[in-house]
Amino acid sequence: MANPSITASTPLLLIHPIGVGLSSRFWDRFIRCWQASDPSAELLAPDLLGCGAAPCPEQPLTPEDWANPLLSLLRERGSQPVVLVSQGASLPIALAIQAQAPELVSALVAISPPGWRVLHEEFPQERARTLWRLLFSGSIGNLFYRYARRRSFLRSFSQKNLFARAEDVDAEWLDTLAEGSRSMASRWAVFSFLAGFWRRNWEPQLTQLSIPVLVIFGQAATGIGQSRYWDDLNERLDTYRRQLPQATISTIHGKNVLPFESTEDCVACVRQWLSSLG
């Protein structure tokens, strides 16, 4: 899907994933690598609500809640549309932005998006509210977050679920997560994600996009955690190709955090695709 207005220099809005200690720092390596060959590139990497230096409201957050400050940022720029780059389950945030202000979005890059079944199935919001009320908003949630932000847990979780190679879970990654989870107020964004407030049927919007779409998976991609319902990589690729026949579906080395673990390959994949659109 060619678009002469899009080039490798088109501004990018980088949307980081939600998780213990995650913030815009997730994109540090990606930005360094991109700007090493294009120092003037405009890469926007804001902290999402509840993460990093952003406000941390003590309330359930939805994709629209996370999208609104990003929409304000884009409108204040008053410049050309951006390419939205989502990581993991931040894809619904990108879709919320595109739905509210399509004139601000020129293309979408979805890196390691969830399996199609997760994006398609409705999650009962009453169940999400119950999880928030009974599990996450009280002392149990407080204790869980204190446990989950321990360095040993973060290392083990990252090695099992996020990185293709255990040795790539390095000090830079763990230090970033430790810094990002130091404030207990950062738990509300994580709990909003875990409770499922982002879960709904995103299939209609995703399949009806008229902008160029690139989807990137790691060659060792898996679902996060353990479930007999997770699809394997080939199933995931087949489903995305079937559901998004106009999209470009690519794979690179890595597992589930490609901008960090396979930075050069990830940057090259996005840049080459953008160049091909012109």
C-alpha atoms as a PDB file:
ATOM      1  CA  MET A   1       0.000   0.000   0.000  1.00  0.00           C
ATOM      2  CA  ALA A   2       2.146   2.853  -1.316  1.00  0.00           C
ATOM      3  CA  ASN A   3       1.859   6.342   0.136  1.00  0.00           C
ATOM      4  CA  PRO A   4       4.231   8.981  -1.260  1.00  0.00           C
ATOM      5  CA  SER A   5       3.758  11.174   1.825  1.00  0.00           C
ATOM      6  CA  ILE A   6       5.466   8.546   4.009  1.00  0.00           C
ATOM      7  CA  THR A   7       9.245   8.216   4.049  1.00  0.00           C
ATOM      8  CA  ALA A   8      11.922   6.857   6.362  1.00  0.00           C
ATOM      9  CA  SER A   9      12.017  10.363   7.892  1.00  0.00           C
ATOM     10  CA  THR A  10       8.313  10.505   8.753  1.00  0.00           C
ATOM     11  CA  PRO A  11       7.875  11.224  12.501  1.00  0.00           C
ATOM     12  CA  LEU A  12       7.227   8.218  14.709  1.00  0.00           C
ATOM     13  CA  LEU A  13       5.092   8.101  17.852  1.00  0.00           C
ATOM     14  CA  LEU A  14       6.492   5.253  19.935  1.00  0.00           C
ATOM     15  CA  ILE A  15       3.949   3.689  22.319  1.00  0.00           C
ATOM     16  CA  HIS A  16       5.606   1.628  25.023  1.00  0.00           C
ATOM     17  CA  PRO A  17       4.005  -1.473  26.564  1.00  0.00           C
ATOM     18  CA  ILE A  18       2.412  -1.558  30.002  1.00  0.00           C
ATOM     19  CA  GLY A  19       4.181  -3.671  32.606  1.00  0.00           C
ATOM     20  CA  VAL A  20       6.105  -3.568  35.862  1.00  0.00           C
ATOM     21  CA  GLY A  21       8.691  -0.798  35.530  1.00  0.00           C
ATOM     22  CA  LEU A  22       8.038  -0.120  31.854  1.00  0.00           C
ATOM     23  CA  SER A  23       7.995   3.434  30.542  1.00  0.00           C
ATOM     24  CA  SER A  24       9.221   5.389  27.532  1.00  0.00           C
ATOM     25  CA  ARG A  25      12.720   4.227  28.509  1.00  0.00           C
ATOM     26  CA  PHE A  26      11.752   0.991  26.759  1.00  0.00           C
ATOM     27  CA  TRP A  27      12.528   2.796  23.492  1.00  0.00           C
ATOM     28  CA  ASP A  28      15.977   4.125  24.458  1.00  0.00           C
ATOM     29  CA  ARG A  29      17.943   1.586  22.413  1.00  0.00           C
ATOM     30  CA  PHE A  30      15.605   1.883  19.445  1.00  0.00           C
ATOM     31  CA  ILE A  31      15.939   5.683  19.443  1.00  0.00           C
ATOM     32  CA  ARG A  32      19.732   5.581  19.760  1.00  0.00           C
ATOM     33  CA  CYS A  33      19.989   3.127  16.893  1.00  0.00           C
ATOM     34  CA  TRP A  34      17.589   5.059  14.649  1.00  0.00           C
ATOM     35  CA  GLN A  35      19.204   8.431  15.285  1.00  0.00           C
ATOM     36  CA  ALA A  36      22.724   7.074  14.816  1.00  0.00           C
ATOM     37  CA  SER A  37      22.109   7.198  11.061  1.00  0.00           C
ATOM     38  CA  ASP A  38      19.439   9.911  11.087  1.00  0.00           C
ATOM     39  CA  PRO A  39      20.160  12.410  13.894  1.00  0.00           C
ATOM     40  CA  SER A  40      17.382  14.755  12.800  1.00  0.00           C
ATOM     41  CA  ALA A  41      14.658  12.097  12.942  1.00  0.00           C
ATOM     42  CA  GLU A  42      11.630  13.053  15.025  1.00  0.00           C
ATOM     43  CA  LEU A  43      10.892  10.177  17.396  1.00  0.00           C
ATOM     44  CA  LEU A  44       8.243  10.942  19.997  1.00  0.00           C
ATOM     45  CA  ALA A  45       8.365   8.648  23.031  1.00  0.00           C
ATOM     46  CA  PRO A  46       6.055   9.919  25.781  1.00  0.00           C
ATOM     47  CA  ASP A  47       5.362   8.169  29.058  1.00  0.00           C
ATOM     48  CA  LEU A  48       1.863   6.718  29.198  1.00  0.00           C
ATOM     49  CA  LEU A  49      -0.414   7.589  32.108  1.00  0.00           C
ATOM     50  CA  GLY A  50       0.710   5.730  35.214  1.00  0.00           C
ATOM     51  CA  CYS A  51       4.216   5.146  33.855  1.00  0.00           C
ATOM     52  CA  GLY A  52       7.544   6.925  34.166  1.00  0.00           C
ATOM     53  CA  ALA A  53       7.182  10.650  34.784  1.00  0.00           C
ATOM     54  CA  ALA A  54       3.517  10.798  33.746  1.00  0.00           C
ATOM     55  CA  PRO A  55       0.720  11.289  36.292  1.00  0.00           C
ATOM     56  CA  CYS A  56      -0.346   8.074  38.035  1.00  0.00           C
ATOM     57  CA  PRO A  57      -4.094   8.255  38.692  1.00  0.00           C
ATOM     58  CA  GLU A  58      -5.401   5.713  41.196  1.00  0.00           C
ATOM     59  CA  GLN A  59      -8.109   4.406  38.895  1.00  0.00           C
ATOM     60  CA  PRO A  60      -8.673   1.830  36.159  1.00  0.00           C
ATOM     61  CA  LEU A  61      -7.218   3.008  32.860  1.00  0.00           C
ATOM     62  CA  THR A  62      -8.525   2.168  29.391  1.00  0.00           C
ATOM     63  CA  PRO A  63      -6.873   2.498  25.970  1.00  0.00           C
ATOM     64  CA  GLU A  64      -8.780   5.756  25.500  1.00  0.00           C
ATOM     65  CA  ASP A  65      -7.383   7.088  28.796  1.00  0.00           C
ATOM     66  CA  TRP A  66      -3.866   6.282  27.638  1.00  0.00           C
ATOM     67  CA  ALA A  67      -4.549   7.674  24.168  1.00  0.00           C
ATOM     68  CA  ASN A  68      -5.904  11.078  25.226  1.00  0.00           C
ATOM     69  CA  PRO A  69      -2.601  12.662  26.359  1.00  0.00           C
ATOM     70  CA  LEU A  70      -0.937  11.353  23.200  1.00  0.00           C
ATOM     71  CA  LEU A  71      -3.671  12.944  21.100  1.00  0.00           C
ATOM     72  CA  SER A  72      -3.056  16.238  22.883  1.00  0.00           C
ATOM     73  CA  LEU A  73       0.654  15.905  22.130  1.00  0.00           C
ATOM     74  CA  LEU A  74       0.007  15.287  18.447  1.00  0.00           C
ATOM     75  CA  ARG A  75      -2.447  18.173  18.170  1.00  0.00           C
ATOM     76  CA  GLU A  76      -0.036  20.551  19.868  1.00  0.00           C
ATOM     77  CA  ARG A  77       2.627  19.640  17.303  1.00  0.00           C
ATOM     78  CA  GLY A  78       0.432  20.935  14.513  1.00  0.00           C
ATOM     79  CA  SER A  79       2.665  19.234  11.977  1.00  0.00           C
ATOM     80  CA  GLN A  80       2.498  16.293   9.586  1.00  0.00           C
ATOM     81  CA  PRO A  81       0.813  13.025  10.594  1.00  0.00           C
ATOM     82  CA  VAL A  82       2.893  10.438  12.407  1.00  0.00           C
ATOM     83  CA  VAL A  83       3.501   6.729  12.122  1.00  0.00           C
ATOM     84  CA  LEU A  84       2.185   4.999  15.235  1.00  0.00           C
ATOM     85  CA  VAL A  85       4.562   2.324  16.539  1.00  0.00           C
ATOM     86  CA  SER A  86       3.057   0.065  19.193  1.00  0.00           C
ATOM     87  CA  GLN A  87       4.747  -2.657  21.210  1.00  0.00           C
ATOM     88  CA  GLY A  88       2.856  -5.700  22.428  1.00  0.00           C
ATOM     89  CA  ALA A  89      -0.535  -5.015  23.957  1.00  0.00           C
ATOM     90  CA  SER A  90      -0.195  -1.257  23.469  1.00  0.00           C
ATOM     91  CA  LEU A  91      -1.698  -1.856  20.010  1.00  0.00           C
ATOM     92  CA  PRO A  92      -5.215  -0.971  21.293  1.00  0.00           C
ATOM     93  CA  ILE A  93      -3.837   2.412  22.396  1.00  0.00           C
ATOM     94  CA  ALA A  94      -2.672   3.037  18.842  1.00  0.00           C
ATOM     95  CA  LEU A  95      -6.082   1.972  17.548  1.00  0.00           C
ATOM     96  CA  ALA A  96      -7.771   4.345  20.001  1.00  0.00           C
ATOM     97  CA  ILE A  97      -5.632   7.206  18.674  1.00  0.00           C
ATOM     98  CA  GLN A  98      -6.397   6.335  15.072  1.00  0.00           C
ATOM     99  CA  ALA A  99     -10.125   6.055  15.780  1.00  0.00           C
ATOM    100  CA  GLN A 100     -10.324   9.495  17.384  1.00  0.00           C
ATOM    101  CA  ALA A 101      -7.996  11.391  15.052  1.00  0.00           C
ATOM    102  CA  PRO A 102      -7.316   9.528  11.798  1.00  0.00           C
ATOM    103  CA  GLU A 103      -6.016  12.735  10.238  1.00  0.00           C
ATOM    104  CA  LEU A 104      -3.050  12.613  12.642  1.00  0.00           C
ATOM    105  CA  VAL A 105      -1.979   9.089  11.661  1.00  0.00           C
ATOM    106  CA  SER A 106      -0.262   8.117   8.409  1.00  0.00           C
ATOM    107  CA  ALA A 107       0.621   4.473   9.141  1.00  0.00           C
ATOM    108  CA  LEU A 108       0.753   1.831  11.862  1.00  0.00           C
ATOM    109  CA  VAL A 109       3.573  -0.453  12.969  1.00  0.00           C
ATOM    110  CA  ALA A 110       2.529  -3.183  15.412  1.00  0.00           C
ATOM    111  CA  ILE A 111       5.523  -4.913  16.996  1.00  0.00           C
ATOM    112  CA  SER A 112       4.805  -8.231  18.747  1.00  0.00           C
ATOM    113  CA  PRO A 113       1.035  -7.654  18.949  1.00  0.00           C
ATOM    114  CA  PRO A 114      -1.138 -10.078  20.936  1.00  0.00           C
ATOM    115  CA  GLY A 115      -2.515 -13.209  19.357  1.00  0.00           C
ATOM    116  CA  TRP A 116      -5.592 -12.569  17.243  1.00  0.00           C
ATOM    117  CA  ARG A 117      -7.833 -14.422  19.657  1.00  0.00           C
ATOM    118  CA  VAL A 118      -6.872 -12.012  22.445  1.00  0.00           C
ATOM    119  CA  LEU A 119      -7.634  -9.023  20.219  1.00  0.00           C
ATOM    120  CA  HIS A 120     -10.913 -10.527  19.046  1.00  0.00           C
ATOM    121  CA  GLU A 121     -12.511 -11.882  22.207  1.00  0.00           C
ATOM    122  CA  GLU A 122     -14.593  -9.646  24.411  1.00  0.00           C
ATOM    123  CA  PHE A 123     -13.465  -9.599  28.039  1.00  0.00           C
ATOM    124  CA  PRO A 124     -16.353  -8.986  30.468  1.00  0.00           C
ATOM    125  CA  GLN A 125     -15.749  -5.539  31.916  1.00  0.00           C
ATOM    126  CA  GLU A 126     -17.702  -6.466  35.029  1.00  0.00           C
ATOM    127  CA  ARG A 127     -15.060  -9.132  35.618  1.00  0.00           C
ATOM    128  CA  ALA A 128     -12.333  -6.535  35.133  1.00  0.00           C
ATOM    129  CA  ARG A 129     -13.999  -4.266  37.691  1.00  0.00           C
ATOM    130  CA  THR A 130     -14.322  -7.189  40.112  1.00  0.00           C
ATOM    131  CA  LEU A 131     -10.637  -8.040  39.744  1.00  0.00           C
ATOM    132  CA  TRP A 132      -9.765  -4.401  40.352  1.00  0.00           C
ATOM    133  CA  ARG A 133     -11.959  -4.138  43.430  1.00  0.00           C
ATOM    134  CA  LEU A 134     -11.176  -7.461  45.100  1.00  0.00           C
ATOM    135  CA  LEU A 135      -7.601  -8.128  44.043  1.00  0.00           C
ATOM    136  CA  PHE A 136      -5.738  -5.095  42.805  1.00  0.00           C
ATOM    137  CA  SER A 137      -7.047  -2.076  44.732  1.00  0.00           C
ATOM    138  CA  GLY A 138      -6.347  -3.425  48.223  1.00  0.00           C
ATOM    139  CA  SER A 139      -3.576  -4.970  50.282  1.00  0.00           C
ATOM    140  CA  ILE A 140      -3.285  -8.060  48.065  1.00  0.00           C
ATOM    141  CA  GLY A 141      -2.446  -5.889  45.084  1.00  0.00           C
ATOM    142  CA  ASN A 142       0.029  -3.901  47.147  1.00  0.00           C
ATOM    143  CA  LEU A 143       1.863  -7.050  48.227  1.00  0.00           C
ATOM    144  CA  PHE A 144       1.791  -8.508  44.728  1.00  0.00           C
ATOM    145  CA  TYR A 145       3.390  -5.411  43.214  1.00  0.00           C
ATOM    146  CA  ARG A 146       6.116  -5.361  45.838  1.00  0.00           C
ATOM    147  CA  TYR A 147       6.861  -8.980  44.961  1.00  0.00           C
ATOM    148  CA  ALA A 148       6.694  -8.427  41.195  1.00  0.00           C
ATOM    149  CA  ARG A 149       9.160  -5.526  41.209  1.00  0.00           C
ATOM    150  CA  ARG A 150      11.923  -7.539  42.901  1.00  0.00           C
ATOM    151  CA  ARG A 151      14.973  -7.811  40.655  1.00  0.00           C
ATOM    152  CA  SER A 152      15.044 -11.604  40.891  1.00  0.00           C
ATOM    153  CA  PHE A 153      11.414 -11.855  39.752  1.00  0.00           C
ATOM    154  CA  LEU A 154      11.915  -9.372  36.927  1.00  0.00           C
ATOM    155  CA  ARG A 155      14.954 -11.290  35.708  1.00  0.00           C
ATOM    156  CA  SER A 156      13.184 -14.651  35.821  1.00  0.00           C
ATOM    157  CA  PHE A 157      10.010 -13.341  34.168  1.00  0.00           C
ATOM    158  CA  SER A 158      11.975 -11.609  31.426  1.00  0.00           C
ATOM    159  CA  GLN A 159      14.084 -14.672  30.701  1.00  0.00           C
ATOM    160  CA  LYS A 160      11.049 -16.962  30.501  1.00  0.00           C
ATOM    161  CA  ASN A 161       8.608 -14.714  28.681  1.00  0.00           C
ATOM    162  CA  LEU A 162      10.207 -11.754  26.966  1.00  0.00           C
ATOM    163  CA  PHE A 163      13.680 -12.517  25.605  1.00  0.00           C
ATOM    164  CA  ALA A 164      14.754 -15.228  23.183  1.00  0.00           C
ATOM    165  CA  ARG A 165      18.117 -15.551  24.942  1.00  0.00           C
ATOM    166  CA  ALA A 166      18.349 -15.459  28.731  1.00  0.00           C
ATOM    167  CA  GLU A 167      21.757 -13.775  28.585  1.00  0.00           C
ATOM    168  CA  ASP A 168      20.208 -10.743  26.872  1.00  0.00           C
ATOM    169  CA  VAL A 169      18.349  -9.854  30.073  1.00  0.00           C
ATOM    170  CA  ASP A 170      21.075  -7.424  31.075  1.00  0.00           C
ATOM    171  CA  ALA A 171      21.701  -4.751  33.683  1.00  0.00           C
ATOM    172  CA  GLU A 172      20.344  -1.983  31.447  1.00  0.00           C
ATOM    173  CA  TRP A 173      16.998  -3.777  31.164  1.00  0.00           C
ATOM    174  CA  LEU A 174      16.731  -4.648  34.849  1.00  0.00           C
ATOM    175  CA  ASP A 175      17.905  -1.223  36.024  1.00  0.00           C
ATOM    176  CA  THR A 176      15.288   0.437  33.815  1.00  0.00           C
ATOM    177  CA  LEU A 177      12.524  -1.740  35.291  1.00  0.00           C
ATOM    178  CA  ALA A 178      13.759  -1.093  38.824  1.00  0.00           C
ATOM    179  CA  GLU A 179      13.708   2.654  38.253  1.00  0.00           C
ATOM    180  CA  GLY A 180      10.284   2.555  36.631  1.00  0.00           C
ATOM    181  CA  SER A 181       8.686   0.509  39.421  1.00  0.00           C
ATOM    182  CA  ARG A 182      10.270   2.362  42.350  1.00  0.00           C
ATOM    183  CA  SER A 183       7.096   4.370  42.920  1.00  0.00           C
ATOM    184  CA  MET A 184       4.208   2.239  44.151  1.00  0.00           C
ATOM    185  CA  ALA A 185       1.887   4.605  42.259  1.00  0.00           C
ATOM    186  CA  SER A 186       3.116   2.950  39.065  1.00  0.00           C
ATOM    187  CA  ARG A 187       1.109  -0.138  39.991  1.00  0.00           C
ATOM    188  CA  TRP A 188      -2.208   1.342  38.832  1.00  0.00           C
ATOM    189  CA  ALA A 189      -1.316   1.236  35.151  1.00  0.00           C
ATOM    190  CA  VAL A 190      -0.041  -2.330  35.504  1.00  0.00           C
ATOM    191  CA  PHE A 191      -3.159  -3.416  37.373  1.00  0.00           C
ATOM    192  CA  SER A 192      -5.386  -1.759  34.759  1.00  0.00           C
ATOM    193  CA  PHE A 193      -3.656  -3.887  32.155  1.00  0.00           C
ATOM    194  CA  LEU A 194      -3.779  -7.098  34.197  1.00  0.00           C
ATOM    195  CA  ALA A 195      -7.442  -6.619  35.099  1.00  0.00           C
ATOM    196  CA  GLY A 196      -8.283  -6.505  31.398  1.00  0.00           C
ATOM    197  CA  PHE A 197      -9.675  -3.005  30.909  1.00  0.00           C
ATOM    198  CA  TRP A 198      -7.989  -2.946  27.485  1.00  0.00           C
ATOM    199  CA  ARG A 199      -9.632  -6.186  26.368  1.00  0.00           C
ATOM    200  CA  ARG A 200     -12.461  -5.909  23.855  1.00  0.00           C
ATOM    201  CA  ASN A 201     -13.107  -6.897  20.253  1.00  0.00           C
ATOM    202  CA  TRP A 202     -10.610  -4.810  18.283  1.00  0.00           C
ATOM    203  CA  GLU A 203     -10.989  -6.897  15.128  1.00  0.00           C
ATOM    204  CA  PRO A 204     -13.467  -4.654  13.256  1.00  0.00           C
ATOM    205  CA  GLN A 205     -11.322  -1.552  13.610  1.00  0.00           C
ATOM    206  CA  LEU A 206      -8.058  -3.334  12.869  1.00  0.00           C
ATOM    207  CA  THR A 207      -9.322  -5.085   9.756  1.00  0.00           C
ATOM    208  CA  GLN A 208     -10.919  -1.919   8.380  1.00  0.00           C
ATOM    209  CA  LEU A 209      -7.816   0.279   8.574  1.00  0.00           C
ATOM    210  CA  SER A 210      -7.108   2.064   5.303  1.00  0.00           C
ATOM    211  CA  ILE A 211      -3.600   3.175   6.248  1.00  0.00           C
ATOM    212  CA  PRO A 212      -0.430   1.124   5.611  1.00  0.00           C
ATOM    213  CA  VAL A 213       0.203  -1.466   8.340  1.00  0.00           C
ATOM    214  CA  LEU A 214       3.386  -3.328   9.253  1.00  0.00           C
ATOM    215  CA  VAL A 215       3.279  -6.186  11.760  1.00  0.00           C
ATOM    216  CA  ILE A 216       6.563  -7.533  13.151  1.00  0.00           C
ATOM    217  CA  PHE A 217       6.923 -10.756  15.114  1.00  0.00           C
ATOM    218  CA  GLY A 218       9.962 -12.305  16.730  1.00  0.00           C
ATOM    219  CA  GLN A 219      10.943 -15.664  15.302  1.00  0.00           C
ATOM    220  CA  ALA A 220      10.749 -17.069  18.841  1.00  0.00           C
ATOM    221  CA  ALA A 221       7.485 -15.265  19.688  1.00  0.00           C
ATOM    222  CA  THR A 222       5.172 -16.781  22.289  1.00  0.00           C
ATOM    223  CA  GLY A 223       2.251 -15.725  24.422  1.00  0.00           C
ATOM    224  CA  ILE A 224       3.130 -14.217  27.804  1.00  0.00           C
ATOM    225  CA  GLY A 225       2.813 -16.688  30.672  1.00  0.00           C
ATOM    226  CA  GLN A 226       1.360 -20.163  30.350  1.00  0.00           C
ATOM    227  CA  SER A 227      -1.862 -21.055  28.580  1.00  0.00           C
ATOM    228  CA  ARG A 228      -3.028 -23.933  26.464  1.00  0.00           C
ATOM    229  CA  TYR A 229      -4.830 -21.337  24.372  1.00  0.00           C
ATOM    230  CA  TRP A 230      -1.700 -19.593  23.087  1.00  0.00           C
ATOM    231  CA  ASP A 231      -1.115 -19.998  19.357  1.00  0.00           C
ATOM    232  CA  ASP A 232       2.329 -20.836  18.028  1.00  0.00           C
ATOM    233  CA  LEU A 233       4.189 -18.469  15.716  1.00  0.00           C
ATOM    234  CA  ASN A 234       3.079 -20.109  12.478  1.00  0.00           C
ATOM    235  CA  GLU A 235      -0.556 -20.021  13.554  1.00  0.00           C
ATOM    236  CA  ARG A 236      -0.204 -16.388  14.539  1.00  0.00           C
ATOM    237  CA  LEU A 237       1.418 -15.460  11.237  1.00  0.00           C
ATOM    238  CA  ASP A 238      -1.235 -17.324   9.257  1.00  0.00           C
ATOM    239  CA  THR A 239      -4.029 -15.614  11.169  1.00  0.00           C
ATOM    240  CA  TYR A 240      -2.608 -12.113  10.767  1.00  0.00           C
ATOM    241  CA  ARG A 241      -1.973 -12.672   7.060  1.00  0.00           C
ATOM    242  CA  ARG A 242      -5.506 -13.921   6.591  1.00  0.00           C
ATOM    243  CA  GLN A 243      -7.136 -11.149   8.620  1.00  0.00           C
ATOM    244  CA  LEU A 244      -4.916  -8.335   7.292  1.00  0.00           C
ATOM    245  CA  PRO A 245      -4.247  -9.251   3.655  1.00  0.00           C
ATOM    246  CA  GLN A 246      -3.085  -5.721   2.780  1.00  0.00           C
ATOM    247  CA  ALA A 247      -0.596  -5.515   5.657  1.00  0.00           C
ATOM    248  CA  THR A 248       3.082  -6.376   5.559  1.00  0.00           C
ATOM    249  CA  ILE A 249       3.843  -9.186   8.018  1.00  0.00           C
ATOM    250  CA  SER A 250       7.527  -9.635   8.893  1.00  0.00           C
ATOM    251  CA  THR A 251       9.633 -11.675  11.304  1.00  0.00           C
ATOM    252  CA  ILE A 252      13.027 -10.890  12.794  1.00  0.00           C
ATOM    253  CA  HIS A 253      15.282 -12.491  15.375  1.00  0.00           C
ATOM    254  CA  GLY A 254      14.016 -12.277  18.940  1.00  0.00           C
ATOM    255  CA  LYS A 255      10.986 -13.072  21.036  1.00  0.00           C
ATOM    256  CA  ASN A 256       8.611 -10.499  22.536  1.00  0.00           C
ATOM    257  CA  VAL A 257      10.562  -7.255  23.169  1.00  0.00           C
ATOM    258  CA  LEU A 258      12.132  -6.749  19.751  1.00  0.00           C
ATOM    259  CA  PRO A 259      12.965  -3.006  19.993  1.00  0.00           C
ATOM    260  CA  PHE A 260      15.164  -3.826  22.997  1.00  0.00           C
ATOM    261  CA  GLU A 261      16.524  -7.325  22.332  1.00  0.00           C
ATOM    262  CA  SER A 262      16.907  -7.086  18.529  1.00  0.00           C
ATOM    263  CA  THR A 263      17.260  -3.346  18.126  1.00  0.00           C
ATOM    264  CA  GLU A 264      19.207  -3.159  14.872  1.00  0.00           C
ATOM    265  CA  ASP A 265      16.980  -5.689  13.111  1.00  0.00           C
ATOM    266  CA  CYS A 266      13.857  -3.946  14.380  1.00  0.00           C
ATOM    267  CA  VAL A 267      15.006  -0.502  13.260  1.00  0.00           C
ATOM    268  CA  ALA A 268      16.052  -1.861   9.863  1.00  0.00           C
ATOM    269  CA  CYS A 269      12.704  -3.608   9.375  1.00  0.00           C
ATOM    270  CA  VAL A 270      10.674  -0.481  10.144  1.00  0.00           C
ATOM    271  CA  ARG A 271      12.918   1.837   8.140  1.00  0.00           C
ATOM    272  CA  GLN A 272      12.949  -0.391   5.056  1.00  0.00           C
ATOM    273  CA  TRP A 273       9.178  -0.702   5.142  1.00  0.00           C
ATOM    274  CA  LEU A 274       8.690   3.060   5.430  1.00  0.00           C
ATOM    275  CA  SER A 275      11.071   3.593   2.512  1.00  0.00           C
ATOM    276  CA  SER A 276       9.085   1.116   0.422  1.00  0.00           C
ATOM    277  CA  LEU A 277       5.888   3.140   0.849  1.00  0.00           C
ATOM    278  CA  GLY A 278       7.121   6.266  -0.888  1.00  0.00           C
END
